[in-house]
N, C-alpha and C. Protein backbone atom coordinates (compact mmCIF):
# COMPACT_ATOMS: atom_id res chain seq x y z
N UNK A 1 -35.26 -16.14 94.00
CA UNK A 1 -36.07 -17.53 94.98
C UNK A 1 -35.34 -18.20 96.00
N UNK A 2 -33.44 -18.03 96.10
CA UNK A 2 -33.46 -18.68 97.75
C UNK A 2 -33.47 -17.39 98.49
N UNK A 3 -33.68 -16.54 98.11
CA UNK A 3 -33.55 -15.24 99.52
C UNK A 3 -34.43 -15.65 99.58
N UNK A 4 -35.56 -15.77 98.66
CA UNK A 4 -37.38 -15.49 99.97
C UNK A 4 -37.39 -15.86 100.72
N UNK A 5 -36.52 -17.86 100.48
CA UNK A 5 -36.64 -18.88 101.03
C UNK A 5 -36.27 -18.61 101.92
N UNK A 6 -35.03 -17.48 102.73
CA UNK A 6 -34.05 -18.17 103.82
C UNK A 6 -35.55 -16.54 104.75
N UNK A 7 -35.53 -15.70 103.72
CA UNK A 7 -36.16 -14.63 104.74
C UNK A 7 -37.69 -15.17 104.86
N UNK A 8 -38.41 -16.06 104.64
CA UNK A 8 -39.37 -16.68 105.02
C UNK A 8 -38.72 -17.82 106.34
N UNK A 9 -37.68 -18.06 106.83
CA UNK A 9 -36.87 -18.89 107.28
C UNK A 9 -36.97 -19.99 107.23
N UNK A 10 -36.91 -20.46 105.78
CA UNK A 10 -36.17 -21.74 105.52
C UNK A 10 -34.80 -21.96 106.00
N UNK A 11 -33.70 -22.64 106.01
CA UNK A 11 -32.64 -22.43 105.97
C UNK A 11 -31.64 -23.79 105.74
N UNK A 12 -32.37 -24.36 105.75
CA UNK A 12 -32.39 -26.38 105.09
C UNK A 12 -32.02 -26.16 103.62
N UNK A 13 -30.97 -26.57 103.40
CA UNK A 13 -30.68 -26.79 102.34
C UNK A 13 -31.48 -27.54 100.90
N UNK A 14 -31.72 -28.69 101.82
CA UNK A 14 -32.93 -29.66 101.37
C UNK A 14 -34.05 -29.01 101.07
N UNK A 15 -34.40 -27.97 102.07
CA UNK A 15 -35.76 -27.55 101.54
C UNK A 15 -35.95 -26.50 100.80
N UNK A 16 -34.52 -25.40 101.20
CA UNK A 16 -34.53 -24.74 99.71
C UNK A 16 -33.58 -25.68 98.03
N UNK A 17 -33.81 -25.72 98.28
CA UNK A 17 -33.17 -27.66 96.12
C UNK A 17 -35.01 -27.68 96.57
N UNK A 18 -35.95 -28.01 97.25
CA UNK A 18 -36.92 -28.66 97.07
C UNK A 18 -37.54 -27.18 96.25
N UNK A 19 -37.69 -26.55 96.99
CA UNK A 19 -38.76 -25.18 96.81
C UNK A 19 -38.32 -24.93 95.28
N UNK A 20 -37.15 -24.63 95.05
CA UNK A 20 -36.10 -23.97 94.09
C UNK A 20 -36.27 -24.46 92.81
N UNK A 21 -36.21 -26.41 92.66
CA UNK A 21 -36.64 -27.58 92.57
C UNK A 21 -35.13 -27.36 91.13
N UNK A 22 -34.10 -27.08 92.49
CA UNK A 22 -32.38 -27.53 91.75
C UNK A 22 -32.33 -29.04 92.39
N UNK A 23 -31.33 -29.04 92.00
CA UNK A 23 -29.72 -29.85 93.17
C UNK A 23 -29.65 -29.31 94.51
N UNK A 24 -29.71 -30.11 95.49
CA UNK A 24 -28.91 -30.14 96.21
C UNK A 24 -26.96 -29.25 96.44
N UNK A 25 -26.28 -29.58 95.78
CA UNK A 25 -25.39 -29.34 96.13
C UNK A 25 -25.56 -27.52 94.39
N UNK A 26 -25.82 -27.47 93.30
CA UNK A 26 -26.23 -26.34 93.09
C UNK A 26 -27.05 -25.41 93.84
N UNK A 27 -27.12 -25.99 95.04
CA UNK A 27 -28.05 -24.98 96.17
C UNK A 27 -27.07 -24.24 96.63
N UNK A 28 -26.25 -25.70 96.98
CA UNK A 28 -24.80 -24.93 97.90
C UNK A 28 -24.02 -23.87 97.35
N UNK A 29 -23.66 -24.48 95.67
CA UNK A 29 -23.07 -22.91 94.61
C UNK A 29 -23.83 -21.94 94.50
N UNK A 30 -25.24 -22.14 94.58
CA UNK A 30 -25.73 -20.32 95.19
C UNK A 30 -25.56 -19.88 95.71
N UNK A 31 -26.37 -20.27 97.43
CA UNK A 31 -25.80 -20.07 98.71
C UNK A 31 -24.03 -19.37 99.26
N UNK A 32 -23.43 -19.81 97.67
CA UNK A 32 -21.56 -19.32 98.04
C UNK A 32 -21.32 -18.10 97.75
N UNK A 33 -22.65 -18.63 97.03
CA UNK A 33 -22.63 -16.44 96.03
C UNK A 33 -22.85 -16.17 97.87
N UNK A 34 -24.05 -15.96 97.65
CA UNK A 34 -24.96 -15.44 97.97
C UNK A 34 -24.30 -15.26 99.41
N UNK A 35 -23.97 -15.68 100.16
CA UNK A 35 -23.10 -15.15 101.52
C UNK A 35 -21.72 -14.88 100.76
N UNK A 36 -20.85 -14.83 99.81
CA UNK A 36 -19.62 -14.31 99.13
C UNK A 36 -20.18 -12.97 98.93
N UNK A 37 -21.64 -12.58 98.14
CA UNK A 37 -22.22 -10.91 98.42
C UNK A 37 -22.50 -10.31 98.77
N UNK A 38 -22.54 -10.83 100.45
CA UNK A 38 -23.33 -10.70 101.69
C UNK A 38 -24.39 -10.49 101.73
N UNK A 39 -25.01 -11.28 101.54
CA UNK A 39 -26.73 -11.31 100.97
C UNK A 39 -27.28 -11.82 101.90
N UNK A 40 -26.22 -12.82 102.58
CA UNK A 40 -26.46 -13.33 103.51
C UNK A 40 -25.46 -14.59 104.27
N UNK A 41 -26.22 -14.77 105.72
CA UNK A 41 -24.75 -14.74 106.75
C UNK A 41 -25.07 -16.28 107.34
N UNK A 42 -24.29 -16.52 107.98
CA UNK A 42 -24.27 -17.72 109.24
C UNK A 42 -25.13 -17.10 110.29
N UNK A 43 -26.14 -18.07 111.04
CA UNK A 43 -26.33 -17.95 111.77
C UNK A 43 -26.82 -18.57 112.99
N UNK A 44 -26.67 -18.53 114.26
CA UNK A 44 -27.49 -19.58 114.84
C UNK A 44 -27.43 -21.09 114.37
N UNK A 45 -29.45 -20.39 113.97
CA UNK A 45 -30.31 -21.75 113.20
C UNK A 45 -30.28 -22.07 111.77
N UNK A 46 -29.07 -22.12 111.48
CA UNK A 46 -28.66 -21.58 109.47
C UNK A 46 -28.35 -19.91 109.20
N UNK A 47 -28.70 -19.89 108.19
CA UNK A 47 -28.53 -19.32 107.11
C UNK A 47 -29.35 -17.74 107.88
N UNK A 48 -28.91 -16.92 107.85
CA UNK A 48 -30.30 -15.52 107.71
C UNK A 48 -29.72 -14.14 106.77
N UNK A 49 -30.67 -14.20 106.54
CA UNK A 49 -30.56 -12.81 104.80
C UNK A 49 -30.08 -11.33 105.71
N UNK A 50 -29.56 -10.97 104.66
CA UNK A 50 -28.99 -9.27 105.75
C UNK A 50 -29.68 -8.24 105.46
N UNK A 51 -29.79 -7.01 105.04
CA UNK A 51 -29.80 -6.31 105.49
C UNK A 51 -30.00 -5.87 103.43
N UNK A 52 -28.03 -6.19 103.20
CA UNK A 52 -28.76 -6.06 101.70
C UNK A 52 -29.35 -6.69 100.57
N UNK A 53 -29.30 -8.58 101.65
CA UNK A 53 -29.81 -9.06 101.28
C UNK A 53 -31.61 -9.29 100.98
N UNK A 54 -32.17 -8.18 102.12
CA UNK A 54 -33.58 -7.65 101.63
C UNK A 54 -34.23 -6.56 101.03
N UNK A 55 -33.11 -5.83 100.47
CA UNK A 55 -32.49 -5.60 99.33
C UNK A 55 -32.83 -6.01 98.50
N UNK A 56 -32.61 -6.60 97.28
CA UNK A 56 -32.70 -8.07 95.86
C UNK A 56 -33.61 -8.15 96.56
N UNK A 57 -33.86 -9.03 97.08
CA UNK A 57 -35.48 -9.25 97.05
C UNK A 57 -36.40 -8.98 96.58
N UNK A 58 -36.16 -7.61 96.99
CA UNK A 58 -37.39 -6.51 96.31
C UNK A 58 -37.48 -7.04 95.18
């Protein structure tokens, strides 16, 4: 779900947490894991999904 939200252009932790129905702390944990796996990266205006992340979200 987090990958799908980032793919839609939502990169605010608050918005992602609200959509996923989890706390901001848990959202940060998931984002850190997704980044470590190479599914997301830091962009100029927030998180950006990578090609690997697009494949994983299918």
